[in-house]
Amino acid sequence: MARPSKFKDEFILQAKKLCKLGATDIEVADFFAIDVRTLYRWKGEQPKFCQALKAGKNEADDRVERSLFARATGYEHDETDIRVVNNKIVKTRIRKIYPPDTTAAIFWVKNRRPDEWREAKSVELTGKNGGPVQYSKVERTIVDPAPPKP
């Protein structure tokens, strides 16, 4: 007789929230104090649990994707600068501007348009009219130099 499962329905919402925060399967398993293999079994046995994990991970991935896009294209936001001037706290509203980040932009286009932005291009060689490459035999003859004349 198999041991009863530790799975509880309330784990579904907890797992989704953990994944929304960026937790991996190993971290979720650790949270529930189970082995990761048990988590994989639960994913197979509990469709709602599996779907909750996927939904949470998708939300986290979407958030990262939006942040990467903002970083790649540049963005700005309002902020409050707080300083002490003449023993008084002075709050000033400022607008911070972040220019586009080239590294983030390159990462974005390499992943979104790999055919256009891949680093290594493959080169395919063909012979005449797209046929096989024809090889010619090349011979090399080494001739001893003439001995020096006395």
N, C-alpha and C. Protein backbone atom coordinates (compact mmCIF):
# COMPACT_ATOMS: atom_id res chain seq x y z
N MET A 1 0.84 -1.19 0.00
CA MET A 1 0.00 0.00 0.00
C MET A 1 0.89 1.25 0.00
N ALA A 2 0.58 2.20 -0.85
CA ALA A 2 1.38 3.41 -0.99
C ALA A 2 1.12 4.36 0.17
N ARG A 3 2.14 5.12 0.50
CA ARG A 3 2.03 6.11 1.55
C ARG A 3 1.11 7.23 1.08
N PRO A 4 0.25 7.79 1.96
CA PRO A 4 -0.64 8.88 1.54
C PRO A 4 0.17 10.12 1.15
N SER A 5 -0.33 10.85 0.18
CA SER A 5 0.36 12.03 -0.33
C SER A 5 0.28 13.18 0.66
N LYS A 6 1.34 13.98 0.73
CA LYS A 6 1.35 15.17 1.57
C LYS A 6 0.65 16.35 0.88
N PHE A 7 0.24 16.15 -0.36
CA PHE A 7 -0.34 17.24 -1.15
C PHE A 7 -1.64 17.73 -0.53
N LYS A 8 -1.79 19.06 -0.50
CA LYS A 8 -3.02 19.70 -0.02
C LYS A 8 -3.44 20.72 -1.07
N ASP A 9 -4.74 20.92 -1.21
CA ASP A 9 -5.25 21.85 -2.22
C ASP A 9 -4.73 23.28 -2.03
N GLU A 10 -4.45 23.67 -0.79
CA GLU A 10 -3.97 25.04 -0.57
C GLU A 10 -2.56 25.25 -1.15
N PHE A 11 -1.87 24.16 -1.47
CA PHE A 11 -0.54 24.27 -2.08
C PHE A 11 -0.63 24.90 -3.47
N ILE A 12 -1.78 24.79 -4.12
CA ILE A 12 -1.93 25.30 -5.49
C ILE A 12 -1.68 26.81 -5.53
N LEU A 13 -2.37 27.55 -4.68
CA LEU A 13 -2.21 29.00 -4.65
C LEU A 13 -0.83 29.40 -4.15
N GLN A 14 -0.33 28.68 -3.14
CA GLN A 14 1.00 28.99 -2.61
C GLN A 14 2.07 28.79 -3.68
N ALA A 15 1.96 27.71 -4.43
CA ALA A 15 2.95 27.43 -5.48
C ALA A 15 2.91 28.51 -6.56
N LYS A 16 1.71 28.94 -6.93
CA LYS A 16 1.60 29.99 -7.95
C LYS A 16 2.26 31.27 -7.47
N LYS A 17 2.01 31.65 -6.22
CA LYS A 17 2.60 32.87 -5.67
C LYS A 17 4.12 32.78 -5.61
N LEU A 18 4.63 31.61 -5.22
CA LEU A 18 6.08 31.42 -5.18
C LEU A 18 6.69 31.58 -6.57
N CYS A 19 6.05 30.98 -7.56
CA CYS A 19 6.56 31.06 -8.94
C CYS A 19 6.46 32.48 -9.49
N LYS A 20 5.43 33.23 -9.10
CA LYS A 20 5.32 34.64 -9.52
C LYS A 20 6.49 35.45 -8.99
N LEU A 21 7.05 35.01 -7.86
CA LEU A 21 8.21 35.69 -7.27
C LEU A 21 9.53 35.18 -7.87
N GLY A 22 9.44 34.23 -8.80
CA GLY A 22 10.65 33.75 -9.47
C GLY A 22 11.21 32.45 -8.94
N ALA A 23 10.47 31.75 -8.09
CA ALA A 23 10.97 30.49 -7.52
C ALA A 23 11.09 29.41 -8.58
N THR A 24 12.14 28.60 -8.45
CA THR A 24 12.34 27.45 -9.33
C THR A 24 11.64 26.24 -8.74
N ASP A 25 11.58 25.15 -9.50
CA ASP A 25 10.97 23.92 -8.98
C ASP A 25 11.68 23.45 -7.72
N ILE A 26 12.99 23.56 -7.70
CA ILE A 26 13.76 23.13 -6.52
C ILE A 26 13.39 23.98 -5.31
N GLU A 27 13.24 25.28 -5.51
CA GLU A 27 12.87 26.17 -4.40
C GLU A 27 11.44 25.92 -3.93
N VAL A 28 10.54 25.62 -4.85
CA VAL A 28 9.16 25.30 -4.47
C VAL A 28 9.14 24.01 -3.65
N ALA A 29 9.89 23.02 -4.11
CA ALA A 29 9.97 21.75 -3.37
C ALA A 29 10.53 21.98 -1.97
N ASP A 30 11.55 22.81 -1.87
CA ASP A 30 12.14 23.12 -0.56
C ASP A 30 11.10 23.81 0.34
N PHE A 31 10.32 24.72 -0.22
CA PHE A 31 9.28 25.41 0.55
C PHE A 31 8.29 24.41 1.15
N PHE A 32 7.89 23.41 0.36
CA PHE A 32 6.94 22.41 0.83
C PHE A 32 7.61 21.27 1.59
N ALA A 33 8.92 21.36 1.78
CA ALA A 33 9.71 20.35 2.51
C ALA A 33 9.55 18.96 1.88
N ILE A 34 9.66 18.94 0.55
CA ILE A 34 9.58 17.68 -0.19
C ILE A 34 10.76 17.59 -1.15
N ASP A 35 11.02 16.40 -1.64
CA ASP A 35 12.05 16.21 -2.66
C ASP A 35 11.51 16.72 -3.99
N VAL A 36 12.40 17.21 -4.84
CA VAL A 36 11.96 17.74 -6.13
C VAL A 36 11.27 16.66 -6.97
N ARG A 37 11.65 15.39 -6.78
CA ARG A 37 10.98 14.31 -7.51
C ARG A 37 9.51 14.19 -7.09
N THR A 38 9.23 14.48 -5.83
CA THR A 38 7.84 14.49 -5.35
C THR A 38 7.07 15.63 -6.02
N LEU A 39 7.73 16.78 -6.15
CA LEU A 39 7.09 17.91 -6.83
C LEU A 39 6.75 17.53 -8.27
N TYR A 40 7.67 16.86 -8.95
CA TYR A 40 7.41 16.43 -10.33
C TYR A 40 6.23 15.45 -10.38
N ARG A 41 6.15 14.58 -9.39
CA ARG A 41 5.03 13.63 -9.33
C ARG A 41 3.72 14.38 -9.12
N TRP A 42 3.72 15.35 -8.21
CA TRP A 42 2.52 16.15 -7.97
C TRP A 42 2.09 16.86 -9.26
N LYS A 43 3.06 17.37 -10.02
CA LYS A 43 2.73 18.04 -11.27
C LYS A 43 2.01 17.09 -12.22
N GLY A 44 2.39 15.83 -12.21
CA GLY A 44 1.74 14.84 -13.06
C GLY A 44 0.39 14.40 -12.53
N GLU A 45 0.26 14.34 -11.21
CA GLU A 45 -0.98 13.84 -10.59
C GLU A 45 -2.03 14.93 -10.37
N GLN A 46 -1.59 16.17 -10.25
CA GLN A 46 -2.50 17.28 -9.90
C GLN A 46 -2.47 18.33 -11.02
N PRO A 47 -3.35 18.23 -12.00
CA PRO A 47 -3.34 19.18 -13.12
C PRO A 47 -3.46 20.65 -12.70
N LYS A 48 -4.28 20.93 -11.68
CA LYS A 48 -4.43 22.33 -11.24
C LYS A 48 -3.13 22.85 -10.63
N PHE A 49 -2.43 21.99 -9.92
CA PHE A 49 -1.14 22.36 -9.32
C PHE A 49 -0.13 22.66 -10.43
N CYS A 50 -0.07 21.79 -11.41
CA CYS A 50 0.84 21.96 -12.54
C CYS A 50 0.54 23.27 -13.27
N GLN A 51 -0.73 23.53 -13.51
CA GLN A 51 -1.14 24.75 -14.21
C GLN A 51 -0.81 25.99 -13.39
N ALA A 52 -0.95 25.91 -12.07
CA ALA A 52 -0.62 27.04 -11.20
C ALA A 52 0.87 27.36 -11.28
N LEU A 53 1.71 26.32 -11.29
CA LEU A 53 3.16 26.53 -11.42
C LEU A 53 3.47 27.23 -12.75
N LYS A 54 2.88 26.73 -13.82
CA LYS A 54 3.12 27.32 -15.15
C LYS A 54 2.66 28.77 -15.20
N ALA A 55 1.47 29.04 -14.66
CA ALA A 55 0.92 30.39 -14.69
C ALA A 55 1.80 31.36 -13.90
N GLY A 56 2.25 30.93 -12.72
CA GLY A 56 3.12 31.78 -11.91
C GLY A 56 4.44 32.06 -12.60
N LYS A 57 5.02 31.03 -13.20
CA LYS A 57 6.30 31.21 -13.91
C LYS A 57 6.12 32.11 -15.13
N ASN A 58 4.99 31.97 -15.82
CA ASN A 58 4.73 32.83 -16.98
C ASN A 58 4.61 34.29 -16.57
N GLU A 59 3.95 34.56 -15.44
CA GLU A 59 3.82 35.94 -14.97
C GLU A 59 5.18 36.52 -14.62
N ALA A 60 6.03 35.73 -13.97
CA ALA A 60 7.38 36.19 -13.64
C ALA A 60 8.18 36.45 -14.91
N ASP A 61 8.10 35.55 -15.87
CA ASP A 61 8.82 35.72 -17.13
C ASP A 61 8.33 36.96 -17.88
N ASP A 62 7.02 37.19 -17.87
CA ASP A 62 6.47 38.37 -18.54
C ASP A 62 6.99 39.66 -17.90
N ARG A 63 7.08 39.67 -16.58
CA ARG A 63 7.58 40.84 -15.86
C ARG A 63 9.04 41.12 -16.25
N VAL A 64 9.85 40.05 -16.31
CA VAL A 64 11.25 40.21 -16.69
C VAL A 64 11.35 40.69 -18.14
N GLU A 65 10.51 40.14 -19.00
CA GLU A 65 10.53 40.54 -20.41
C GLU A 65 10.19 42.02 -20.56
N ARG A 66 9.20 42.50 -19.83
CA ARG A 66 8.85 43.92 -19.89
C ARG A 66 10.00 44.78 -19.38
N SER A 67 10.66 44.34 -18.31
CA SER A 67 11.79 45.09 -17.77
C SER A 67 12.96 45.13 -18.75
N LEU A 68 13.23 44.00 -19.38
CA LEU A 68 14.31 43.95 -20.37
C LEU A 68 14.01 44.87 -21.54
N PHE A 69 12.76 44.86 -22.01
CA PHE A 69 12.38 45.74 -23.12
C PHE A 69 12.55 47.20 -22.72
N ALA A 70 12.11 47.56 -21.52
CA ALA A 70 12.25 48.94 -21.05
C ALA A 70 13.73 49.32 -20.97
N ARG A 71 14.54 48.42 -20.49
CA ARG A 71 15.98 48.68 -20.39
C ARG A 71 16.60 48.83 -21.78
N ALA A 72 16.17 48.00 -22.72
CA ALA A 72 16.72 48.04 -24.08
C ALA A 72 16.33 49.31 -24.82
N THR A 73 15.14 49.82 -24.57
CA THR A 73 14.64 50.98 -25.31
C THR A 73 14.77 52.29 -24.54
N GLY A 74 15.13 52.23 -23.27
CA GLY A 74 15.22 53.42 -22.44
C GLY A 74 13.88 53.72 -21.80
N TYR A 75 13.94 54.34 -20.64
CA TYR A 75 12.70 54.67 -19.93
C TYR A 75 12.97 55.79 -18.94
N GLU A 76 11.90 56.32 -18.38
CA GLU A 76 12.03 57.37 -17.37
C GLU A 76 10.92 57.21 -16.34
N HIS A 77 11.19 57.74 -15.14
CA HIS A 77 10.18 57.67 -14.08
C HIS A 77 10.41 58.80 -13.08
N ASP A 78 9.35 59.12 -12.35
CA ASP A 78 9.43 60.16 -11.32
C ASP A 78 9.91 59.54 -10.03
N GLU A 79 10.63 60.34 -9.26
CA GLU A 79 11.20 59.87 -8.00
C GLU A 79 11.25 61.04 -7.03
N THR A 80 11.28 60.75 -5.76
CA THR A 80 11.41 61.79 -4.75
C THR A 80 12.81 61.72 -4.16
N ASP A 81 13.54 62.83 -4.27
CA ASP A 81 14.88 62.93 -3.71
C ASP A 81 14.75 63.52 -2.31
N ILE A 82 15.29 62.84 -1.32
CA ILE A 82 15.18 63.30 0.07
C ILE A 82 16.59 63.63 0.57
N ARG A 83 16.76 64.87 1.03
CA ARG A 83 18.06 65.32 1.55
C ARG A 83 17.85 66.16 2.80
N VAL A 84 18.91 66.28 3.57
CA VAL A 84 18.89 67.15 4.73
C VAL A 84 19.69 68.40 4.37
N VAL A 85 19.00 69.56 4.40
CA VAL A 85 19.63 70.83 4.08
C VAL A 85 19.37 71.77 5.25
N ASN A 86 20.44 72.28 5.86
CA ASN A 86 20.33 73.17 7.03
C ASN A 86 19.46 72.54 8.12
N ASN A 87 19.73 71.27 8.41
CA ASN A 87 19.02 70.51 9.43
C ASN A 87 17.52 70.36 9.16
N LYS A 88 17.12 70.50 7.91
CA LYS A 88 15.72 70.29 7.54
C LYS A 88 15.67 69.25 6.42
N ILE A 89 14.63 68.44 6.47
CA ILE A 89 14.44 67.44 5.43
C ILE A 89 13.77 68.12 4.24
N VAL A 90 14.43 68.00 3.08
CA VAL A 90 13.91 68.61 1.86
C VAL A 90 13.58 67.50 0.87
N LYS A 91 12.32 67.48 0.43
CA LYS A 91 11.89 66.49 -0.56
C LYS A 91 11.71 67.21 -1.89
N THR A 92 12.32 66.64 -2.92
CA THR A 92 12.25 67.23 -4.26
C THR A 92 11.83 66.16 -5.26
N ARG A 93 10.80 66.48 -6.05
CA ARG A 93 10.37 65.54 -7.11
C ARG A 93 11.34 65.69 -8.27
N ILE A 94 11.87 64.58 -8.73
CA ILE A 94 12.78 64.60 -9.88
C ILE A 94 12.33 63.56 -10.90
N ARG A 95 12.75 63.74 -12.12
CA ARG A 95 12.45 62.78 -13.19
C ARG A 95 13.77 62.13 -13.58
N LYS A 96 13.86 60.81 -13.37
CA LYS A 96 15.07 60.07 -13.73
C LYS A 96 14.90 59.51 -15.14
N ILE A 97 15.91 59.68 -15.94
CA ILE A 97 15.88 59.22 -17.33
C ILE A 97 17.00 58.20 -17.51
N TYR A 98 16.62 57.04 -18.00
CA TYR A 98 17.58 55.97 -18.27
C TYR A 98 17.67 55.78 -19.79
N PRO A 99 18.84 56.01 -20.36
CA PRO A 99 18.97 55.86 -21.82
C PRO A 99 18.90 54.39 -22.22
N PRO A 100 18.67 54.13 -23.50
CA PRO A 100 18.66 52.74 -23.96
C PRO A 100 19.98 52.05 -23.65
N ASP A 101 19.89 50.79 -23.30
CA ASP A 101 21.06 49.98 -22.96
C ASP A 101 21.38 49.07 -24.15
N THR A 102 22.55 49.28 -24.75
CA THR A 102 22.93 48.52 -25.94
C THR A 102 22.99 47.02 -25.67
N THR A 103 23.54 46.63 -24.54
CA THR A 103 23.65 45.21 -24.22
C THR A 103 22.27 44.56 -24.13
N ALA A 104 21.35 45.23 -23.47
CA ALA A 104 19.98 44.69 -23.37
C ALA A 104 19.32 44.63 -24.74
N ALA A 105 19.57 45.64 -25.58
CA ALA A 105 18.98 45.64 -26.92
C ALA A 105 19.52 44.49 -27.75
N ILE A 106 20.83 44.25 -27.68
CA ILE A 106 21.43 43.14 -28.43
C ILE A 106 20.86 41.82 -27.94
N PHE A 107 20.76 41.66 -26.64
CA PHE A 107 20.20 40.42 -26.09
C PHE A 107 18.77 40.22 -26.59
N TRP A 108 18.00 41.30 -26.59
CA TRP A 108 16.60 41.23 -27.03
C TRP A 108 16.51 40.77 -28.48
N VAL A 109 17.23 41.45 -29.38
CA VAL A 109 17.09 41.10 -30.80
C VAL A 109 17.69 39.75 -31.13
N LYS A 110 18.74 39.35 -30.42
CA LYS A 110 19.31 38.02 -30.68
C LYS A 110 18.31 36.92 -30.33
N ASN A 111 17.51 37.14 -29.32
CA ASN A 111 16.52 36.15 -28.92
C ASN A 111 15.22 36.27 -29.69
N ARG A 112 14.84 37.46 -30.07
CA ARG A 112 13.58 37.66 -30.79
C ARG A 112 13.73 37.44 -32.29
N ARG A 113 14.90 37.75 -32.82
CA ARG A 113 15.15 37.61 -34.27
C ARG A 113 16.50 36.92 -34.51
N PRO A 114 16.60 35.68 -34.09
CA PRO A 114 17.90 35.00 -34.19
C PRO A 114 18.42 34.85 -35.61
N ASP A 115 17.54 34.72 -36.60
CA ASP A 115 18.01 34.58 -37.98
C ASP A 115 18.70 35.84 -38.49
N GLU A 116 18.27 36.98 -37.98
CA GLU A 116 18.85 38.25 -38.44
C GLU A 116 20.02 38.71 -37.57
N TRP A 117 20.09 38.25 -36.31
CA TRP A 117 21.08 38.77 -35.38
C TRP A 117 22.03 37.71 -34.83
N ARG A 118 22.08 36.57 -35.45
CA ARG A 118 22.98 35.54 -34.93
C ARG A 118 24.41 35.96 -35.21
N GLU A 119 25.31 35.61 -34.30
CA GLU A 119 26.71 36.00 -34.43
C GLU A 119 27.42 35.22 -35.53
N ALA A 120 27.29 33.91 -35.50
CA ALA A 120 28.00 33.06 -36.46
C ALA A 120 27.07 32.75 -37.62
N LYS A 121 27.49 33.10 -38.80
CA LYS A 121 26.72 32.78 -39.99
C LYS A 121 27.26 31.47 -40.55
N SER A 122 26.38 30.60 -40.96
CA SER A 122 26.83 29.36 -41.58
C SER A 122 26.97 29.60 -43.08
N VAL A 123 28.02 29.04 -43.64
CA VAL A 123 28.29 29.20 -45.06
C VAL A 123 28.23 27.82 -45.70
N GLU A 124 27.44 27.72 -46.73
CA GLU A 124 27.32 26.45 -47.43
C GLU A 124 27.93 26.62 -48.82
N LEU A 125 28.87 25.74 -49.13
CA LEU A 125 29.54 25.81 -50.43
C LEU A 125 28.93 24.78 -51.36
N THR A 126 28.71 25.21 -52.60
CA THR A 126 28.22 24.28 -53.61
C THR A 126 29.04 24.50 -54.87
N GLY A 127 28.96 23.54 -55.74
CA GLY A 127 29.66 23.64 -57.02
C GLY A 127 28.83 24.40 -58.03
N LYS A 128 29.20 24.25 -59.30
CA LYS A 128 28.53 24.94 -60.39
C LYS A 128 27.04 24.57 -60.42
N ASN A 129 26.20 25.59 -60.55
CA ASN A 129 24.74 25.42 -60.61
C ASN A 129 24.17 24.69 -59.39
N GLY A 130 24.79 24.86 -58.24
CA GLY A 130 24.29 24.24 -57.01
C GLY A 130 24.66 22.78 -56.86
N GLY A 131 25.44 22.27 -57.77
CA GLY A 131 25.86 20.87 -57.71
C GLY A 131 26.98 20.66 -56.71
N PRO A 132 27.50 19.43 -56.65
CA PRO A 132 28.58 19.15 -55.72
C PRO A 132 29.86 19.88 -56.10
N VAL A 133 30.68 20.13 -55.11
CA VAL A 133 31.95 20.79 -55.34
C VAL A 133 32.87 19.84 -56.09
N GLN A 134 33.50 20.33 -57.16
CA GLN A 134 34.45 19.53 -57.94
C GLN A 134 35.85 19.81 -57.42
N TYR A 135 36.57 18.75 -57.15
CA TYR A 135 37.93 18.89 -56.65
C TYR A 135 38.92 18.59 -57.78
N SER A 136 40.00 19.30 -57.79
CA SER A 136 41.07 19.05 -58.75
C SER A 136 42.26 18.50 -57.98
N LYS A 137 43.00 17.62 -58.63
CA LYS A 137 44.18 17.06 -58.00
C LYS A 137 45.30 18.08 -58.11
N VAL A 138 45.90 18.38 -57.01
CA VAL A 138 47.01 19.32 -56.98
C VAL A 138 48.26 18.54 -56.64
N GLU A 139 49.29 18.70 -57.46
CA GLU A 139 50.57 18.03 -57.20
C GLU A 139 51.61 19.08 -56.90
N ARG A 140 52.50 18.71 -56.03
CA ARG A 140 53.57 19.62 -55.66
C ARG A 140 54.88 18.88 -55.86
N THR A 141 55.82 19.48 -56.55
CA THR A 141 57.13 18.88 -56.77
C THR A 141 58.17 19.77 -56.14
N ILE A 142 58.99 19.18 -55.31
CA ILE A 142 60.06 19.94 -54.66
C ILE A 142 61.35 19.65 -55.43
N VAL A 143 61.98 20.67 -55.89
CA VAL A 143 63.22 20.54 -56.66
C VAL A 143 64.36 21.04 -55.78
N ASP A 144 65.40 20.19 -55.68
CA ASP A 144 66.58 20.62 -54.93
C ASP A 144 67.26 21.75 -55.69
N PRO A 145 67.69 22.75 -54.98
CA PRO A 145 68.39 23.83 -55.67
C PRO A 145 69.72 23.32 -56.23
N ALA A 146 70.16 23.93 -57.27
CA ALA A 146 71.45 23.53 -57.87
C ALA A 146 72.57 23.81 -56.88
N PRO A 147 73.56 22.90 -56.88
CA PRO A 147 74.68 23.15 -55.95
C PRO A 147 75.43 24.42 -56.37
N PRO A 148 75.98 25.11 -55.39
CA PRO A 148 76.70 26.35 -55.72
C PRO A 148 77.91 26.06 -56.61
N LYS A 149 78.21 26.93 -57.55
CA LYS A 149 79.36 26.78 -58.45
C LYS A 149 80.61 27.32 -57.77
N PRO A 150 81.72 26.52 -57.96
CA PRO A 150 82.96 26.98 -57.30
C PRO A 150 83.59 28.16 -57.96
